[in-house]
Amino acid sequence: MANNENNISVAIDCNITYHNAVNVGVKRVTDIVSSLNHYSRRDDLPLNTCNINSIIDNCLVMLNNQFKDRIEVIKEYTGVPHIIFCSEGKLHQALINIIQLV
């Protein structure tokens, strides 16, 4: 009886580990898809207000696999969001090009 309970406990622990890993994967995929949606905005859309901090974050999410083992990114944003009037897709493209040069 004790062996059966031990097996059940191990199975539950494994399921919790797998569940947590799946949740982390789903979060990463959600972040990447959201970043790609912002990045792929059509160029013919009118200019709009954009938060430069969130655009930088989106670019870092998209490029994470390229630099995660080479460099550590430390984000030190001010408490005030930096809002600019621009083409969001073009700004994403420019920042990605700059970040890739690192």
N, C-alpha and C. Protein backbone atom coordinates (compact mmCIF):
# COMPACT_ATOMS: atom_id res chain seq x y z
N MET A 1 0.82 -1.20 0.00
CA MET A 1 0.00 0.00 0.00
C MET A 1 0.86 1.26 0.00
N ALA A 2 1.94 1.26 0.78
CA ALA A 2 2.81 2.43 0.86
C ALA A 2 3.51 2.67 -0.48
N ASN A 3 3.87 1.59 -1.17
CA ASN A 3 4.53 1.71 -2.47
C ASN A 3 3.58 2.34 -3.49
N ASN A 4 2.32 1.96 -3.46
CA ASN A 4 1.32 2.51 -4.37
C ASN A 4 1.12 4.01 -4.10
N GLU A 5 1.06 4.39 -2.83
CA GLU A 5 0.92 5.81 -2.47
C GLU A 5 2.16 6.60 -2.89
N ASN A 6 3.33 5.99 -2.77
CA ASN A 6 4.56 6.63 -3.19
C ASN A 6 4.56 6.85 -4.70
N ASN A 7 4.09 5.86 -5.46
CA ASN A 7 4.00 5.98 -6.92
C ASN A 7 3.04 7.11 -7.32
N ILE A 8 1.94 7.19 -6.61
CA ILE A 8 0.96 8.24 -6.89
C ILE A 8 1.56 9.61 -6.59
N SER A 9 2.30 9.71 -5.50
CA SER A 9 2.94 10.98 -5.13
C SER A 9 3.96 11.40 -6.19
N VAL A 10 4.74 10.44 -6.68
CA VAL A 10 5.73 10.74 -7.72
C VAL A 10 5.02 11.17 -9.00
N ALA A 11 3.94 10.50 -9.35
CA ALA A 11 3.19 10.84 -10.56
C ALA A 11 2.60 12.25 -10.45
N ILE A 12 2.10 12.59 -9.28
CA ILE A 12 1.53 13.93 -9.08
C ILE A 12 2.63 14.98 -9.20
N ASP A 13 3.80 14.72 -8.60
CA ASP A 13 4.92 15.65 -8.70
C ASP A 13 5.35 15.85 -10.16
N CYS A 14 5.40 14.76 -10.92
CA CYS A 14 5.77 14.86 -12.34
C CYS A 14 4.73 15.67 -13.11
N ASN A 15 3.46 15.44 -12.82
CA ASN A 15 2.41 16.19 -13.51
C ASN A 15 2.48 17.67 -13.19
N ILE A 16 2.78 18.01 -11.96
CA ILE A 16 2.92 19.42 -11.59
C ILE A 16 4.09 20.05 -12.34
N THR A 17 5.20 19.33 -12.44
CA THR A 17 6.37 19.83 -13.17
C THR A 17 6.03 20.05 -14.63
N TYR A 18 5.37 19.09 -15.26
CA TYR A 18 4.98 19.22 -16.67
C TYR A 18 3.99 20.35 -16.86
N HIS A 19 3.06 20.47 -15.94
CA HIS A 19 2.05 21.54 -16.02
C HIS A 19 2.73 22.91 -15.96
N ASN A 20 3.68 23.07 -15.06
CA ASN A 20 4.41 24.34 -14.95
C ASN A 20 5.22 24.62 -16.22
N ALA A 21 5.83 23.59 -16.78
CA ALA A 21 6.61 23.77 -18.02
C ALA A 21 5.70 24.18 -19.17
N VAL A 22 4.54 23.58 -19.25
CA VAL A 22 3.57 23.94 -20.30
C VAL A 22 3.12 25.38 -20.12
N ASN A 23 2.85 25.79 -18.90
CA ASN A 23 2.44 27.17 -18.64
C ASN A 23 3.52 28.17 -19.05
N VAL A 24 4.78 27.85 -18.77
CA VAL A 24 5.88 28.72 -19.18
C VAL A 24 5.93 28.80 -20.71
N GLY A 25 5.78 27.67 -21.38
CA GLY A 25 5.80 27.65 -22.84
C GLY A 25 4.66 28.44 -23.44
N VAL A 26 3.47 28.30 -22.88
CA VAL A 26 2.31 29.04 -23.37
C VAL A 26 2.52 30.54 -23.19
N LYS A 27 3.09 30.95 -22.07
CA LYS A 27 3.37 32.37 -21.82
C LYS A 27 4.37 32.90 -22.84
N ARG A 28 5.42 32.13 -23.12
CA ARG A 28 6.42 32.56 -24.09
C ARG A 28 5.82 32.70 -25.49
N VAL A 29 5.01 31.72 -25.88
CA VAL A 29 4.37 31.77 -27.20
C VAL A 29 3.43 32.97 -27.29
N THR A 30 2.67 33.22 -26.24
CA THR A 30 1.76 34.37 -26.22
C THR A 30 2.53 35.67 -26.38
N ASP A 31 3.65 35.80 -25.67
CA ASP A 31 4.47 37.01 -25.77
C ASP A 31 5.04 37.18 -27.17
N ILE A 32 5.50 36.08 -27.77
CA ILE A 32 6.07 36.15 -29.12
C ILE A 32 5.01 36.53 -30.14
N VAL A 33 3.84 35.93 -30.06
CA VAL A 33 2.76 36.25 -31.00
C VAL A 33 2.34 37.71 -30.85
N SER A 34 2.24 38.19 -29.62
CA SER A 34 1.89 39.59 -29.40
C SER A 34 2.94 40.51 -30.00
N SER A 35 4.21 40.17 -29.80
CA SER A 35 5.30 40.99 -30.36
C SER A 35 5.26 40.98 -31.88
N LEU A 36 5.00 39.83 -32.46
CA LEU A 36 4.93 39.75 -33.92
C LEU A 36 3.76 40.55 -34.46
N ASN A 37 2.65 40.57 -33.75
CA ASN A 37 1.50 41.38 -34.18
C ASN A 37 1.85 42.86 -34.22
N HIS A 38 2.58 43.31 -33.24
CA HIS A 38 3.00 44.72 -33.22
C HIS A 38 4.02 44.99 -34.32
N TYR A 39 4.94 44.05 -34.51
CA TYR A 39 6.00 44.21 -35.49
C TYR A 39 5.45 44.26 -36.92
N SER A 40 4.45 43.46 -37.19
CA SER A 40 3.99 43.31 -38.57
C SER A 40 2.87 44.28 -38.94
N ARG A 41 2.75 45.36 -38.22
CA ARG A 41 1.75 46.37 -38.58
C ARG A 41 2.01 46.86 -39.99
N ARG A 42 0.96 47.07 -40.73
CA ARG A 42 1.11 47.52 -42.12
C ARG A 42 1.70 48.92 -42.16
N ASP A 43 2.54 49.14 -43.15
CA ASP A 43 3.21 50.43 -43.30
C ASP A 43 2.25 51.53 -43.74
N ASP A 44 1.12 51.15 -44.36
CA ASP A 44 0.22 52.18 -44.87
C ASP A 44 -0.78 52.67 -43.81
N LEU A 45 -0.68 52.15 -42.59
CA LEU A 45 -1.54 52.64 -41.53
C LEU A 45 -1.09 54.03 -41.12
N PRO A 46 -2.01 54.86 -40.65
CA PRO A 46 -1.60 56.21 -40.24
C PRO A 46 -0.68 56.15 -39.02
N LEU A 47 0.08 57.21 -38.85
CA LEU A 47 0.96 57.31 -37.69
C LEU A 47 0.11 57.34 -36.42
N ASN A 48 0.65 56.80 -35.35
CA ASN A 48 -0.08 56.82 -34.08
C ASN A 48 0.90 56.96 -32.92
N THR A 49 0.36 57.13 -31.73
CA THR A 49 1.21 57.25 -30.55
C THR A 49 1.67 55.87 -30.11
N CYS A 50 2.93 55.77 -29.76
CA CYS A 50 3.53 54.50 -29.37
C CYS A 50 4.38 54.70 -28.12
N ASN A 51 4.36 53.70 -27.26
CA ASN A 51 5.20 53.70 -26.07
C ASN A 51 6.52 53.02 -26.44
N ILE A 52 7.59 53.78 -26.47
CA ILE A 52 8.89 53.25 -26.90
C ILE A 52 9.36 52.12 -25.99
N ASN A 53 9.03 52.17 -24.69
CA ASN A 53 9.44 51.12 -23.76
C ASN A 53 8.79 49.78 -24.13
N SER A 54 7.51 49.79 -24.47
CA SER A 54 6.85 48.54 -24.83
C SER A 54 7.34 48.02 -26.17
N ILE A 55 7.71 48.92 -27.07
CA ILE A 55 8.25 48.49 -28.36
C ILE A 55 9.61 47.83 -28.16
N ILE A 56 10.44 48.40 -27.29
CA ILE A 56 11.73 47.78 -26.98
C ILE A 56 11.51 46.40 -26.37
N ASP A 57 10.56 46.29 -25.43
CA ASP A 57 10.26 45.00 -24.83
C ASP A 57 9.82 43.98 -25.87
N ASN A 58 8.95 44.40 -26.80
CA ASN A 58 8.49 43.50 -27.86
C ASN A 58 9.65 43.02 -28.72
N CYS A 59 10.55 43.92 -29.06
CA CYS A 59 11.72 43.56 -29.86
C CYS A 59 12.61 42.57 -29.11
N LEU A 60 12.80 42.78 -27.83
CA LEU A 60 13.63 41.88 -27.03
C LEU A 60 13.01 40.49 -26.93
N VAL A 61 11.69 40.42 -26.85
CA VAL A 61 11.01 39.12 -26.82
C VAL A 61 11.25 38.39 -28.14
N MET A 62 11.12 39.11 -29.25
CA MET A 62 11.29 38.49 -30.55
C MET A 62 12.73 38.01 -30.79
N LEU A 63 13.70 38.71 -30.23
CA LEU A 63 15.10 38.37 -30.46
C LEU A 63 15.73 37.57 -29.33
N ASN A 64 14.95 37.17 -28.36
CA ASN A 64 15.47 36.51 -27.16
C ASN A 64 16.34 35.30 -27.49
N ASN A 65 15.91 34.45 -28.41
CA ASN A 65 16.68 33.24 -28.72
C ASN A 65 18.03 33.57 -29.36
N GLN A 66 18.16 34.71 -30.00
CA GLN A 66 19.41 35.05 -30.65
C GLN A 66 20.49 35.50 -29.67
N PHE A 67 20.10 36.06 -28.54
CA PHE A 67 21.12 36.59 -27.64
C PHE A 67 21.04 36.05 -26.22
N LYS A 68 20.12 35.15 -25.91
CA LYS A 68 19.92 34.75 -24.52
C LYS A 68 21.14 34.08 -23.90
N ASP A 69 21.95 33.40 -24.68
CA ASP A 69 23.14 32.74 -24.11
C ASP A 69 24.40 33.59 -24.24
N ARG A 70 24.31 34.72 -24.95
CA ARG A 70 25.51 35.54 -25.18
C ARG A 70 25.57 36.77 -24.30
N ILE A 71 24.42 37.41 -24.09
CA ILE A 71 24.42 38.66 -23.33
C ILE A 71 23.28 38.67 -22.33
N GLU A 72 23.42 39.53 -21.34
CA GLU A 72 22.36 39.75 -20.37
C GLU A 72 21.79 41.15 -20.62
N VAL A 73 20.48 41.23 -20.76
CA VAL A 73 19.82 42.51 -21.01
C VAL A 73 19.32 43.04 -19.68
N ILE A 74 19.73 44.26 -19.35
CA ILE A 74 19.26 44.92 -18.13
C ILE A 74 18.44 46.13 -18.57
N LYS A 75 17.16 46.10 -18.26
CA LYS A 75 16.27 47.20 -18.65
C LYS A 75 16.12 48.15 -17.47
N GLU A 76 16.46 49.39 -17.69
CA GLU A 76 16.33 50.40 -16.65
C GLU A 76 15.53 51.58 -17.21
N TYR A 77 14.23 51.36 -17.34
CA TYR A 77 13.36 52.41 -17.86
C TYR A 77 13.04 53.41 -16.75
N THR A 78 12.76 54.63 -17.15
CA THR A 78 12.31 55.62 -16.18
C THR A 78 10.87 55.30 -15.80
N GLY A 79 10.38 55.92 -14.77
CA GLY A 79 9.01 55.69 -14.34
C GLY A 79 7.98 56.30 -15.28
N VAL A 80 8.43 57.18 -16.14
CA VAL A 80 7.53 57.88 -17.06
C VAL A 80 7.61 57.20 -18.43
N PRO A 81 6.47 56.77 -18.98
CA PRO A 81 6.52 56.16 -20.31
C PRO A 81 6.90 57.19 -21.37
N HIS A 82 7.70 56.78 -22.33
CA HIS A 82 8.12 57.66 -23.42
C HIS A 82 7.21 57.41 -24.62
N ILE A 83 6.29 58.33 -24.83
CA ILE A 83 5.31 58.21 -25.91
C ILE A 83 5.79 59.05 -27.10
N ILE A 84 5.82 58.42 -28.28
CA ILE A 84 6.20 59.15 -29.48
C ILE A 84 5.14 58.91 -30.56
N PHE A 85 5.11 59.78 -31.53
CA PHE A 85 4.16 59.71 -32.65
C PHE A 85 4.93 59.17 -33.85
N CYS A 86 4.59 57.93 -34.28
CA CYS A 86 5.38 57.31 -35.34
C CYS A 86 4.62 56.15 -35.98
N SER A 87 5.29 55.51 -36.92
CA SER A 87 4.79 54.27 -37.51
C SER A 87 5.33 53.13 -36.64
N GLU A 88 4.45 52.45 -35.94
CA GLU A 88 4.89 51.43 -34.98
C GLU A 88 5.67 50.31 -35.65
N GLY A 89 5.21 49.84 -36.80
CA GLY A 89 5.91 48.76 -37.50
C GLY A 89 7.31 49.15 -37.91
N LYS A 90 7.47 50.36 -38.44
CA LYS A 90 8.79 50.81 -38.87
C LYS A 90 9.73 51.00 -37.68
N LEU A 91 9.20 51.48 -36.57
CA LEU A 91 10.03 51.63 -35.37
C LEU A 91 10.48 50.26 -34.86
N HIS A 92 9.58 49.28 -34.87
CA HIS A 92 9.95 47.91 -34.50
C HIS A 92 11.10 47.42 -35.39
N GLN A 93 10.95 47.60 -36.69
CA GLN A 93 11.98 47.14 -37.62
C GLN A 93 13.32 47.82 -37.34
N ALA A 94 13.30 49.12 -37.10
CA ALA A 94 14.54 49.84 -36.84
C ALA A 94 15.19 49.35 -35.55
N LEU A 95 14.42 49.19 -34.50
CA LEU A 95 14.98 48.74 -33.22
C LEU A 95 15.50 47.31 -33.31
N ILE A 96 14.80 46.46 -34.03
CA ILE A 96 15.29 45.08 -34.20
C ILE A 96 16.63 45.09 -34.92
N ASN A 97 16.75 45.89 -35.96
CA ASN A 97 18.02 45.98 -36.67
C ASN A 97 19.14 46.47 -35.75
N ILE A 98 18.85 47.45 -34.90
CA ILE A 98 19.86 47.98 -33.98
C ILE A 98 20.24 46.91 -32.94
N ILE A 99 19.25 46.26 -32.38
CA ILE A 99 19.51 45.26 -31.34
C ILE A 99 20.29 44.07 -31.92
N GLN A 100 20.01 43.69 -33.15
CA GLN A 100 20.71 42.57 -33.76
C GLN A 100 22.19 42.86 -33.97
N LEU A 101 22.57 44.12 -34.05
CA LEU A 101 23.97 44.48 -34.23
C LEU A 101 24.79 44.33 -32.96
N VAL A 102 24.12 44.13 -31.83
CA VAL A 102 24.83 44.02 -30.54
C VAL A 102 25.67 42.76 -30.53
